[in-house]
């Protein structure tokens, strides 16, 4: 069944959408027209908010195009995609922040500048064409085709993104990730704390522990090991800690229930200790220079099946690989935190995320437009 869906997708991408694009391309490109698009949501993803705000304060015409393809029938999704191709054909700029196959479906016009802002910082687990997990073997084409700029969070992310997305040298630039600018907004941290403690008054005076695992498997069939361990962690840690569980959005749509509906980016300023496994959330959290514990009971299997862009054991985090190590690891991670190592990690992977990433991206757009 999966193979059939994949072949249908390739027919749409390699035949129908390119024809639609050529038909619509009889009209000229509209100077200053920006299309912000996403195929996984019916509204603007939070990670695109800062870019939207920045463009609306500049001299651009912004059209937003957001649809959730997985929630539609094939026919409805096809109609929506053809509608996007009409916009794509006349766009001066197209901005996306995740996989978006319509952008890659044709040979785009030279006057269209495509920006991939991606949804994660750093370069942790292998993805894209660097692993066999993300792109089906039978897929024909490059799902990351037509990018003119891929924004990454820091210098050590350039080579992994270039490889994973099969980009030419110079396309991936460490100008920062627009979404992280929110962490530097005046009053943002206080606002997040006020929201959190109003909702969870019992957390006042306690240390906040956030467990935010990545998902294994696929978006259609995600899983995570030992989730029951964290459900019972509150009792084991006692009154000193307040435990918050936050699953990946793909997992929440498949029945995994997070312990809060507060957005992850609004939990980070409140968190005293982050526990994750292979999630890029550690890069965002590095902005706050606070302790991290990596709980990875399937570490050796994950290394062999997917692999990493970095040395897992050299990360500035404590590591626990089984339930017995978890409790002692929490205590150790909080008390023996090496802030200097975390600062070095931030500079290598997150130095572009200094609160001015959106500004730099828009400057690059203006430079391109001036040509």
Protein backbone atom coordinates (compact mmCIF):
# COMPACT_ATOMS: atom_id res chain seq x y z
CA UNK A 1 0.00 0.00 0.00
CA UNK A 2 2.84 2.37 0.88
CA UNK A 3 4.50 1.67 -2.47
CA UNK A 4 1.25 2.46 -4.32
CA UNK A 5 0.95 5.78 -2.49
CA UNK A 6 4.55 6.55 -3.33
CA UNK A 7 4.06 5.85 -7.06
CA UNK A 8 0.93 8.01 -7.14
CA UNK A 9 2.89 10.78 -5.46
CA UNK A 10 5.67 10.49 -8.05
CA UNK A 11 3.18 10.66 -10.95
CA UNK A 12 1.73 13.85 -9.48
CA UNK A 13 5.14 15.36 -8.82
CA UNK A 14 6.92 14.34 -12.03
CA UNK A 15 4.06 14.67 -14.53
CA UNK A 16 0.99 16.63 -13.45
CA UNK A 17 2.55 19.45 -11.41
CA UNK A 18 5.32 20.30 -13.92
CA UNK A 19 2.71 20.58 -16.71
CA UNK A 20 0.56 22.88 -14.55
CA UNK A 21 3.62 25.02 -13.76
CA UNK A 22 4.51 25.43 -17.45
CA UNK A 23 0.93 26.41 -18.29
CA UNK A 24 0.83 29.06 -15.56
CA UNK A 25 4.31 30.37 -16.41
CA UNK A 26 3.04 32.32 -19.41
CA UNK A 27 2.60 35.24 -17.01
CA UNK A 28 5.51 37.27 -15.68
CA UNK A 29 7.00 36.89 -12.21
CA UNK A 30 5.55 39.46 -9.83
CA UNK A 31 8.35 41.51 -8.19
CA UNK A 32 8.27 41.36 -4.39
CA UNK A 33 5.68 38.58 -4.23
CA UNK A 34 6.42 36.14 -1.40
CA UNK A 35 4.61 32.82 -1.01
CA UNK A 36 4.90 31.25 2.45
CA UNK A 37 3.84 27.62 2.19
CA UNK A 38 3.51 24.44 4.25
CA UNK A 39 1.92 21.09 3.44
CA UNK A 40 1.56 19.81 7.01
CA UNK A 41 -0.69 22.42 8.63
CA UNK A 42 -3.87 24.37 7.91
CA UNK A 43 -2.46 27.49 9.54
CA UNK A 44 0.90 29.21 9.67
CA UNK A 45 3.39 27.07 11.64
CA UNK A 46 4.77 28.88 14.68
CA UNK A 47 8.27 28.47 13.29
CA UNK A 48 7.34 30.82 10.41
CA UNK A 49 5.86 33.58 12.58
CA UNK A 50 9.00 35.68 12.88
CA UNK A 51 9.62 35.57 9.15
CA UNK A 52 6.04 36.63 8.48
CA UNK A 53 6.37 39.55 10.89
CA UNK A 54 9.66 40.63 9.32
CA UNK A 55 8.33 40.53 5.77
CA UNK A 56 5.21 42.48 6.70
CA UNK A 57 7.45 45.24 8.02
CA UNK A 58 9.32 45.32 4.71
CA UNK A 59 8.31 46.07 1.13
CA UNK A 60 6.87 42.69 0.14
CA UNK A 61 3.50 41.27 -0.80
CA UNK A 62 3.00 38.10 1.25
CA UNK A 63 0.56 35.34 0.34
CA UNK A 64 0.18 32.49 2.83
CA UNK A 65 -0.60 28.99 1.60
CA UNK A 66 -1.06 26.31 4.27
CA UNK A 67 -2.72 22.93 3.82
CA UNK A 68 -2.48 19.54 5.51
CA UNK A 69 -2.11 17.05 2.67
CA UNK A 70 -2.40 13.99 4.94
CA UNK A 71 -5.86 15.10 6.08
CA UNK A 72 -7.17 15.29 2.48
CA UNK A 73 -8.25 12.89 -0.21
CA UNK A 74 -5.79 12.45 -3.10
CA UNK A 75 -8.04 14.42 -5.43
CA UNK A 76 -8.44 17.36 -3.07
CA UNK A 77 -4.71 17.42 -2.37
CA UNK A 78 -4.01 17.42 -6.11
CA UNK A 79 -6.35 20.37 -6.67
CA UNK A 80 -4.64 22.27 -3.85
CA UNK A 81 -1.18 21.52 -5.26
CA UNK A 82 -2.17 22.74 -8.71
CA UNK A 83 -3.38 25.92 -7.04
CA UNK A 84 0.03 26.27 -5.42
CA UNK A 85 1.78 25.82 -8.79
CA UNK A 86 -0.14 28.83 -10.09
CA UNK A 87 1.26 30.93 -7.24
CA UNK A 88 4.71 29.34 -7.57
CA UNK A 89 4.91 30.26 -11.25
CA UNK A 90 4.70 34.00 -10.54
CA UNK A 91 6.40 34.16 -7.14
CA UNK A 92 9.53 36.21 -6.61
CA UNK A 93 10.18 34.28 -3.39
CA UNK A 94 8.91 31.02 -1.91
CA UNK A 95 9.54 30.28 1.76
CA UNK A 96 9.08 26.82 3.29
CA UNK A 97 10.21 25.22 6.55
CA UNK A 98 9.77 21.48 5.97
CA UNK A 99 9.61 18.94 3.14
CA UNK A 100 7.33 20.38 0.46
CA UNK A 101 7.23 18.33 -2.72
CA UNK A 102 5.44 20.84 -5.02
CA UNK A 103 8.48 23.15 -4.86
CA UNK A 104 10.72 20.30 -6.03
CA UNK A 105 8.39 19.09 -8.78
CA UNK A 106 9.62 21.15 -11.74
CA UNK A 107 12.45 23.23 -13.13
CA UNK A 108 11.65 26.58 -11.56
CA UNK A 109 12.06 29.97 -13.18
CA UNK A 110 15.30 31.88 -12.57
CA UNK A 111 13.43 34.80 -11.09
CA UNK A 112 12.07 32.71 -8.21
CA UNK A 113 14.19 32.48 -5.06
CA UNK A 114 13.35 29.50 -2.82
CA UNK A 115 14.26 29.64 0.87
CA UNK A 116 14.16 26.50 3.00
CA UNK A 117 14.13 27.58 6.67
CA UNK A 118 13.79 23.99 7.95
CA UNK A 119 12.14 23.22 11.27
CA UNK A 120 15.08 22.07 13.36
CA UNK A 121 18.36 23.54 14.54
CA UNK A 122 21.78 21.93 14.52
CA UNK A 123 22.69 18.62 12.90
CA UNK A 124 22.10 15.65 15.19
CA UNK A 125 20.71 12.42 13.73
CA UNK A 126 21.21 11.74 10.02
CA UNK A 127 18.32 12.69 7.75
CA UNK A 128 17.34 13.14 4.14
CA UNK A 129 19.66 11.37 1.70
CA UNK A 130 22.17 10.49 4.43
CA UNK A 131 19.87 7.77 5.82
CA UNK A 132 17.61 5.09 4.38
CA UNK A 133 14.78 5.98 6.80
CA UNK A 134 13.49 9.24 5.33
CA UNK A 135 13.19 8.86 1.56
CA UNK A 136 11.69 5.68 0.06
CA UNK A 137 14.02 3.61 -2.10
CA UNK A 138 11.61 3.73 -5.05
CA UNK A 139 11.41 7.54 -5.01
CA UNK A 140 12.65 9.24 -8.19
CA UNK A 141 13.96 12.79 -8.03
CA UNK A 142 15.34 15.06 -5.30
CA UNK A 143 12.80 16.10 -2.65
CA UNK A 144 15.04 19.10 -1.85
CA UNK A 145 15.34 20.38 -5.41
CA UNK A 146 15.22 24.08 -6.35
CA UNK A 147 16.54 25.53 -3.09
CA UNK A 148 18.52 28.77 -3.38
CA UNK A 149 19.06 29.22 0.35
CA UNK A 150 18.89 26.78 3.26
CA UNK A 151 19.20 28.59 6.58
CA UNK A 152 21.09 26.65 9.26
CA UNK A 153 21.82 27.47 12.88
CA UNK A 154 25.63 27.47 12.96
CA UNK A 155 28.89 26.61 11.16
CA UNK A 156 28.97 22.89 11.99
CA UNK A 157 25.51 22.41 10.48
CA UNK A 158 26.50 23.53 6.98
CA UNK A 159 28.20 20.32 5.79
CA UNK A 160 25.51 17.91 7.15
CA UNK A 161 22.64 19.88 5.60
CA UNK A 162 24.50 20.19 2.31
CA UNK A 163 24.97 16.42 2.23
CA UNK A 164 21.50 15.42 3.50
CA UNK A 165 19.71 17.71 1.04
CA UNK A 166 22.16 17.18 -1.86
CA UNK A 167 22.76 20.89 -2.23
CA UNK A 168 25.51 22.74 -4.06
CA UNK A 169 28.21 24.40 -1.93
CA UNK A 170 27.09 27.82 -0.72
CA UNK A 171 23.34 27.10 -0.62
CA UNK A 172 23.35 26.20 3.09
CA UNK A 173 24.34 29.26 5.11
CA UNK A 174 24.79 29.61 8.91
CA UNK A 175 22.67 32.77 9.10
CA UNK A 176 20.55 31.32 11.89
CA UNK A 177 17.05 29.91 12.22
CA UNK A 178 14.32 32.55 12.11
CA UNK A 179 12.10 30.77 14.64
CA UNK A 180 14.73 31.09 17.39
CA UNK A 181 14.50 34.89 17.36
CA UNK A 182 11.49 34.57 19.65
CA UNK A 183 13.74 33.47 22.52
CA UNK A 184 15.35 36.92 22.49
CA UNK A 185 12.15 38.95 22.51
CA UNK A 186 11.94 41.30 25.47
CA UNK A 187 9.73 39.82 28.14
CA UNK A 188 9.38 36.44 26.39
CA UNK A 189 10.93 34.42 29.21
CA UNK A 190 8.84 36.12 31.89
CA UNK A 191 5.71 35.66 29.79
CA UNK A 192 6.38 31.92 29.42
CA UNK A 193 6.99 31.49 33.14
CA UNK A 194 3.83 33.40 34.01
CA UNK A 195 1.78 31.19 31.66
CA UNK A 196 3.31 27.98 32.99
CA UNK A 197 2.94 28.66 36.71
CA UNK A 198 -0.57 30.00 36.28
CA UNK A 199 -1.51 26.70 34.66
CA UNK A 200 0.53 24.57 37.08
CA UNK A 201 0.59 26.38 40.44
CA UNK A 202 1.80 23.21 42.16
CA UNK A 203 5.07 23.56 40.22
CA UNK A 204 6.00 26.76 42.05
CA UNK A 205 9.22 26.38 44.03
CA UNK A 206 10.12 23.11 42.30
CA UNK A 207 12.71 22.33 39.63
CA UNK A 208 11.06 21.74 36.24
CA UNK A 209 12.04 18.62 34.32
CA UNK A 210 10.96 18.37 30.68
CA UNK A 211 11.04 15.05 28.83
CA UNK A 212 10.81 15.66 25.08
CA UNK A 213 11.78 12.57 23.04
CA UNK A 214 12.05 12.37 19.30
CA UNK A 215 9.96 9.74 17.52
CA UNK A 216 11.19 6.56 15.95
CA UNK A 217 9.59 4.97 12.92
CA UNK A 218 7.63 7.15 10.51
CA UNK A 219 5.07 9.93 10.77
CA UNK A 220 2.40 7.30 10.09
CA UNK A 221 3.71 4.84 12.71
CA UNK A 222 5.83 6.59 15.38
CA UNK A 223 7.02 5.01 18.60
CA UNK A 224 9.33 5.70 21.54
CA UNK A 225 10.82 3.22 24.02
CA UNK A 226 10.22 3.28 27.77
CA UNK A 227 7.50 5.94 27.73
CA UNK A 228 5.96 4.28 30.80
CA UNK A 229 9.14 5.04 32.78
CA UNK A 230 8.46 8.76 32.58
CA UNK A 231 4.80 8.37 33.41
CA UNK A 232 5.89 7.01 36.80
CA UNK A 233 8.89 9.29 37.25
CA UNK A 234 6.99 11.84 39.35
CA UNK A 235 6.64 9.39 42.24
CA UNK A 236 10.31 8.37 42.12
CA UNK A 237 11.68 11.92 42.15
CA UNK A 238 9.53 13.21 45.00
CA UNK A 239 8.50 16.80 45.69
CA UNK A 240 11.75 18.41 44.52
CA UNK A 241 10.88 18.08 40.82
CA UNK A 242 7.86 18.82 38.64
CA UNK A 243 7.82 16.52 35.58
CA UNK A 244 6.45 17.62 32.20
CA UNK A 245 6.08 15.22 29.26
CA UNK A 246 5.97 16.67 25.75
CA UNK A 247 5.82 14.36 22.75
CA UNK A 248 6.71 15.21 19.16
CA UNK A 249 3.69 16.56 17.18
CA UNK A 250 3.71 13.49 14.91
CA UNK A 251 3.31 11.30 17.99
CA UNK A 252 0.48 13.41 19.43
CA UNK A 253 -1.56 12.85 16.26
CA UNK A 254 -1.08 9.09 16.71
CA UNK A 255 -2.45 8.78 20.24
CA UNK A 256 0.51 9.70 22.44
CA UNK A 257 -0.73 12.15 25.07
CA UNK A 258 1.58 14.93 26.23
CA UNK A 259 1.21 16.14 29.77
CA UNK A 260 0.70 19.73 28.62
CA UNK A 261 -0.71 21.65 25.68
CA UNK A 262 1.84 24.45 26.08
CA UNK A 263 4.05 24.69 22.99
CA UNK A 264 7.56 23.24 23.33
CA UNK A 265 9.28 26.54 22.56
CA UNK A 266 7.35 28.12 25.45
CA UNK A 267 8.40 25.35 27.84
CA UNK A 268 12.15 25.80 27.31
CA UNK A 269 12.51 29.09 29.26
CA UNK A 270 10.79 27.45 32.24
CA UNK A 271 12.74 24.18 32.16
CA UNK A 272 15.59 23.52 34.60
CA UNK A 273 16.60 20.14 33.16
CA UNK A 274 15.82 18.79 29.70
CA UNK A 275 15.71 15.05 29.05
CA UNK A 276 15.66 13.94 25.43
CA UNK A 277 17.33 11.30 23.27
CA UNK A 278 18.17 12.26 19.68
CA UNK A 279 16.00 15.34 19.27
CA UNK A 280 17.24 18.63 17.84
CA UNK A 281 15.56 20.31 20.81
CA UNK A 282 18.96 20.21 22.55
CA UNK A 283 20.18 22.87 20.11
CA UNK A 284 17.29 25.23 20.90
CA UNK A 285 17.76 24.60 24.62
CA UNK A 286 21.48 25.43 24.33
CA UNK A 287 20.42 29.08 23.95
CA UNK A 288 19.62 28.99 27.69
CA UNK A 289 22.87 27.18 28.60
CA UNK A 290 21.14 24.79 31.02
CA UNK A 291 21.74 21.08 31.77
CA UNK A 292 20.60 18.22 29.53
CA UNK A 293 20.32 14.49 30.15
CA UNK A 294 20.20 12.13 27.18
CA UNK A 295 18.13 9.02 27.88
CA UNK A 296 18.78 6.53 25.10
CA UNK A 297 18.03 2.89 25.91
CA UNK A 298 18.29 2.02 22.21
CA UNK A 299 21.51 3.97 21.60
CA UNK A 300 23.58 1.21 19.99
CA UNK A 301 20.72 0.11 17.72
CA UNK A 302 20.05 3.73 16.73
CA UNK A 303 23.71 4.33 15.94
CA UNK A 304 23.72 1.32 13.65
CA UNK A 305 20.40 1.95 11.93
CA UNK A 306 20.33 5.74 11.54
CA UNK A 307 23.55 7.25 12.81
CA UNK A 308 24.63 10.73 13.84
CA UNK A 309 26.50 13.72 12.46
CA UNK A 310 28.28 14.19 15.78
CA UNK A 311 29.93 12.12 18.47
CA UNK A 312 27.07 11.29 20.83
CA UNK A 313 29.33 10.64 23.81
CA UNK A 314 31.12 14.00 23.40
CA UNK A 315 27.95 16.10 23.79
CA UNK A 316 27.91 18.41 26.86
CA UNK A 317 25.20 16.23 28.44
CA UNK A 318 24.95 13.35 30.88
CA UNK A 319 23.89 10.05 29.26
CA UNK A 320 21.69 7.27 30.67
CA UNK A 321 21.05 4.10 28.70
CA UNK A 322 18.72 2.20 31.04
CA UNK A 323 16.08 2.75 33.72
CA UNK A 324 18.55 2.19 36.55
CA UNK A 325 20.82 5.00 35.36
CA UNK A 326 17.96 7.43 34.81
CA UNK A 327 17.40 8.63 38.39
CA UNK A 328 21.11 8.98 39.20
CA UNK A 329 21.61 10.60 35.79
CA UNK A 330 19.04 13.28 36.60
CA UNK A 331 20.81 14.17 39.82
CA UNK A 332 24.23 14.13 38.15
CA UNK A 333 23.14 16.19 35.13
CA UNK A 334 21.74 18.94 37.32
CA UNK A 335 24.54 19.10 39.89
CA UNK A 336 27.58 18.49 37.67
CA UNK A 337 26.78 20.81 34.77
CA UNK A 338 29.70 22.06 32.68
CA UNK A 339 28.56 25.46 31.42
CA UNK A 340 31.80 26.04 29.47
CA UNK A 341 31.25 22.90 27.39
CA UNK A 342 27.67 23.97 26.70
CA UNK A 343 28.90 27.42 25.63
CA UNK A 344 31.34 25.84 23.16
CA UNK A 345 28.51 23.63 21.85
CA UNK A 346 26.33 26.72 21.36
CA UNK A 347 29.05 28.59 19.45
CA UNK A 348 29.66 25.66 17.11
CA UNK A 349 26.06 24.77 16.36
CA UNK A 350 23.90 27.76 17.30
CA UNK A 351 25.94 30.95 16.88
CA UNK A 352 23.62 32.11 14.06
CA UNK A 353 20.69 32.01 16.49
CA UNK A 354 21.36 35.28 18.28
CA UNK A 355 17.99 36.98 17.87
CA UNK A 356 18.79 38.52 14.47
CA UNK A 357 18.42 35.55 12.13
CA UNK A 358 15.23 36.85 10.48
CA UNK A 359 16.92 40.18 9.82
CA UNK A 360 19.86 38.48 8.09
CA UNK A 361 17.58 36.28 5.96
CA UNK A 362 15.59 39.29 4.76
CA UNK A 363 18.85 41.11 3.93
CA UNK A 364 19.83 38.17 1.72
CA UNK A 365 16.42 38.38 0.03
CA UNK A 366 16.88 42.08 -0.65
CA UNK A 367 20.34 41.43 -2.04
CA UNK A 368 18.90 38.86 -4.43
CA UNK A 369 16.04 41.18 -5.40
CA UNK A 370 18.54 43.97 -6.16
CA UNK A 371 20.10 41.76 -8.83
